[in-house]
Amino acid sequence: MKLLIIYLKIIYLFFFLLMKVYAEETIPIDITADEMQWDDNKRIAYAIGNAVAVQGNKTITAAKLIVYLEKNKDNNEIILIKAEGNVVFTTIDEIATGKIATYDLVKNNIVIENNVTLKKNDNIMKGEILEMDFNTGISQINSIKNSKKVKMRFLPKKSDKK
């Protein structure tokens, strides 16, 4: 009987994981700004002034967002967002800042450039270029100038010893 229960749990887990992998849930992207412009021929939207794009738990704010849509006019899928001016990108537990950013929704990554800071909990990384890959969960920060170094500060948790 125990073996049957184990087999049923394995089958249930297999189907649950299979459904998760093949589920094509589309999360909408909401964009707001002081001004919006649209170029239908180029399939580009411009969000200018206090621009904000929100998709699920990811938010990108900047002075200007340039939003590129799929070239197929029957599809309004956003494939790329370029952000310019005081970029702030947030997830559930991370805040990244810089001057410009390219958020590629096809590759599922973001590259933030120019005076970059990444904060996660109380830990901070600083550099010139940050790439966050949401497929792998790996973030990499680099410096483009030989004179500048990448900086990291890790704050250990305080123990509750009494």
Protein backbone atom coordinates (compact mmCIF):
# COMPACT_ATOMS: atom_id res chain seq x y z
CA MET A 1 0.00 0.00 0.00
CA LYS A 2 2.84 2.40 0.86
CA LEU A 3 4.43 1.69 -2.50
CA LEU A 4 1.17 2.55 -4.29
CA ILE A 5 0.95 5.87 -2.43
CA ILE A 6 4.56 6.68 -3.37
CA TYR A 7 3.85 5.88 -7.04
CA LEU A 8 0.73 8.06 -6.99
CA LYS A 9 2.70 10.94 -5.47
CA ILE A 10 5.40 10.59 -8.12
CA ILE A 11 2.79 10.55 -10.91
CA TYR A 12 1.04 13.58 -9.41
CA LEU A 13 4.36 15.45 -9.13
CA PHE A 14 5.26 14.53 -12.72
CA PHE A 15 1.95 15.85 -14.08
CA PHE A 16 2.14 18.97 -11.92
CA LEU A 17 5.62 19.78 -13.20
CA LEU A 18 4.59 18.98 -16.77
CA MET A 19 1.64 21.36 -16.51
CA LYS A 20 3.90 24.09 -15.09
CA VAL A 21 6.41 23.72 -17.91
CA TYR A 22 3.85 23.76 -20.70
CA ALA A 23 1.48 26.34 -19.22
CA GLU A 24 1.61 29.44 -21.37
CA GLU A 25 0.28 31.97 -18.94
CA THR A 26 0.55 35.48 -20.30
CA ILE A 27 1.09 38.21 -17.76
CA PRO A 28 -0.04 41.60 -19.07
CA ILE A 29 2.22 44.65 -18.98
CA ASP A 30 0.65 47.87 -17.72
CA ILE A 31 2.38 51.10 -18.80
CA THR A 32 1.66 54.58 -17.48
CA ALA A 33 3.34 57.92 -18.14
CA ASP A 34 2.67 61.64 -18.40
CA GLU A 35 2.53 61.35 -22.19
CA MET A 36 2.21 58.48 -24.69
CA GLN A 37 3.04 58.35 -28.39
CA TRP A 38 2.49 55.50 -30.84
CA ASP A 39 4.13 54.75 -34.20
CA ASP A 40 1.94 52.09 -35.81
CA ASN A 41 4.25 51.54 -38.81
CA LYS A 42 7.30 50.86 -36.65
CA ARG A 43 5.25 49.16 -33.90
CA ILE A 44 6.88 51.32 -31.23
CA ALA A 45 5.24 53.08 -28.28
CA TYR A 46 6.84 55.92 -26.33
CA ALA A 47 5.99 56.52 -22.68
CA ILE A 48 7.43 59.90 -21.71
CA GLY A 49 7.63 61.47 -18.26
CA ASN A 50 7.38 59.45 -15.06
CA ALA A 51 7.08 56.29 -17.14
CA VAL A 52 6.27 53.02 -15.37
CA ALA A 53 5.89 49.49 -16.77
CA VAL A 54 4.59 46.72 -14.49
CA GLN A 55 4.47 43.01 -15.28
CA GLY A 56 3.65 40.76 -12.37
CA ASN A 57 6.29 41.36 -9.69
CA LYS A 58 8.65 43.27 -12.03
CA THR A 59 8.50 47.05 -12.33
CA ILE A 60 10.66 49.39 -14.40
CA THR A 61 10.48 53.17 -14.02
CA ALA A 62 12.34 55.83 -15.99
CA ALA A 63 12.01 59.27 -17.50
CA LYS A 64 11.24 57.59 -20.84
CA LEU A 65 10.29 54.08 -21.95
CA ILE A 66 10.51 52.96 -25.57
CA VAL A 67 8.33 49.89 -26.05
CA TYR A 68 8.87 47.61 -29.07
CA LEU A 69 6.04 45.32 -30.12
CA GLU A 70 6.13 42.19 -32.25
CA LYS A 71 6.14 43.17 -35.95
CA ASN A 72 3.09 40.98 -36.63
CA LYS A 73 0.19 43.45 -36.47
CA ASP A 74 -2.17 40.74 -35.21
CA ASN A 75 -0.04 40.35 -32.10
CA ASN A 76 0.42 43.07 -29.47
CA GLU A 77 3.20 41.23 -27.67
CA ILE A 78 5.90 43.47 -26.19
CA ILE A 79 9.32 42.07 -27.05
CA LEU A 80 11.65 44.82 -25.77
CA ILE A 81 11.55 47.83 -23.47
CA LYS A 82 14.32 50.44 -23.50
CA ALA A 83 14.44 52.77 -20.51
CA GLU A 84 16.24 56.11 -20.40
CA GLY A 85 16.90 58.44 -17.48
CA ASN A 86 16.99 57.47 -13.80
CA VAL A 87 16.07 53.83 -14.35
CA VAL A 88 14.80 51.83 -11.39
CA PHE A 89 14.04 48.12 -11.87
CA THR A 90 12.43 46.20 -9.01
CA THR A 91 11.50 42.60 -8.36
CA ILE A 92 10.21 41.01 -5.16
CA ASP A 93 13.60 41.18 -3.42
CA GLU A 94 15.88 43.27 -5.67
CA ILE A 95 16.22 46.92 -6.66
CA ALA A 96 18.55 47.87 -9.53
CA THR A 97 19.27 51.43 -10.64
CA GLY A 98 21.18 53.03 -13.51
CA LYS A 99 20.90 55.59 -16.30
CA ILE A 100 19.72 53.35 -19.17
CA ALA A 101 18.33 49.82 -19.48
CA THR A 102 17.25 47.26 -22.06
CA TYR A 103 14.63 44.77 -20.87
CA ASP A 104 14.41 41.91 -23.38
CA LEU A 105 11.22 39.96 -22.80
CA VAL A 106 12.15 37.33 -25.41
CA LYS A 107 15.52 36.51 -23.81
CA ASN A 108 14.00 37.17 -20.35
CA ASN A 109 16.82 39.41 -19.16
CA ILE A 110 17.62 43.04 -18.43
CA VAL A 111 20.85 44.98 -18.95
CA ILE A 112 21.26 48.17 -16.94
CA GLU A 113 24.14 50.57 -17.62
CA ASN A 114 25.92 53.65 -16.26
CA ASN A 115 26.46 54.00 -12.52
CA VAL A 116 24.63 50.78 -11.64
CA THR A 117 23.58 49.71 -8.16
CA LEU A 118 21.94 46.38 -7.28
CA LYS A 119 20.46 45.96 -3.81
CA LYS A 120 19.21 42.65 -2.50
CA ASN A 121 18.17 42.63 1.13
CA ASP A 122 20.99 44.62 2.81
CA ASN A 123 23.64 43.54 0.25
CA ILE A 124 24.81 46.03 -2.39
CA MET A 125 26.74 45.66 -5.66
CA LYS A 126 27.98 48.63 -7.71
CA GLY A 127 29.50 48.81 -11.18
CA GLU A 128 28.93 50.07 -14.72
CA ILE A 129 26.95 47.25 -16.39
CA LEU A 130 24.49 44.85 -14.75
CA GLU A 131 22.91 41.88 -16.50
CA MET A 132 20.12 40.00 -14.74
CA ASP A 133 19.14 36.70 -16.39
CA PHE A 134 15.70 35.66 -15.15
CA ASN A 135 16.00 32.19 -16.73
CA THR A 136 19.04 31.23 -14.68
CA GLY A 137 18.62 33.63 -11.75
CA ILE A 138 22.21 34.83 -12.25
CA SER A 139 23.07 38.53 -11.99
CA GLN A 140 26.45 39.76 -13.20
CA ILE A 141 27.92 43.20 -12.67
CA ASN A 142 30.97 44.53 -14.53
CA SER A 143 33.07 47.64 -14.90
CA ILE A 144 33.90 49.01 -18.35
CA LYS A 145 36.68 51.32 -17.22
CA ASN A 146 40.03 49.94 -16.06
CA SER A 147 40.22 52.52 -13.30
CA LYS A 148 36.87 51.55 -11.79
CA LYS A 149 36.32 48.34 -9.88
CA VAL A 150 33.14 46.47 -9.14
CA LYS A 151 32.19 46.84 -5.50
CA MET A 152 30.19 44.49 -3.31
CA ARG A 153 29.11 44.82 0.29
CA PHE A 154 27.56 41.87 2.08
CA LEU A 155 25.98 42.48 5.45
CA PRO A 156 25.87 39.35 7.62
CA LYS A 157 22.72 38.71 9.59
CA LYS A 158 22.85 39.52 13.27
CA SER A 159 22.60 36.51 15.51
CA ASP A 160 20.03 36.39 18.29
CA LYS A 161 22.53 35.16 20.91
CA LYS A 162 21.77 36.24 24.45
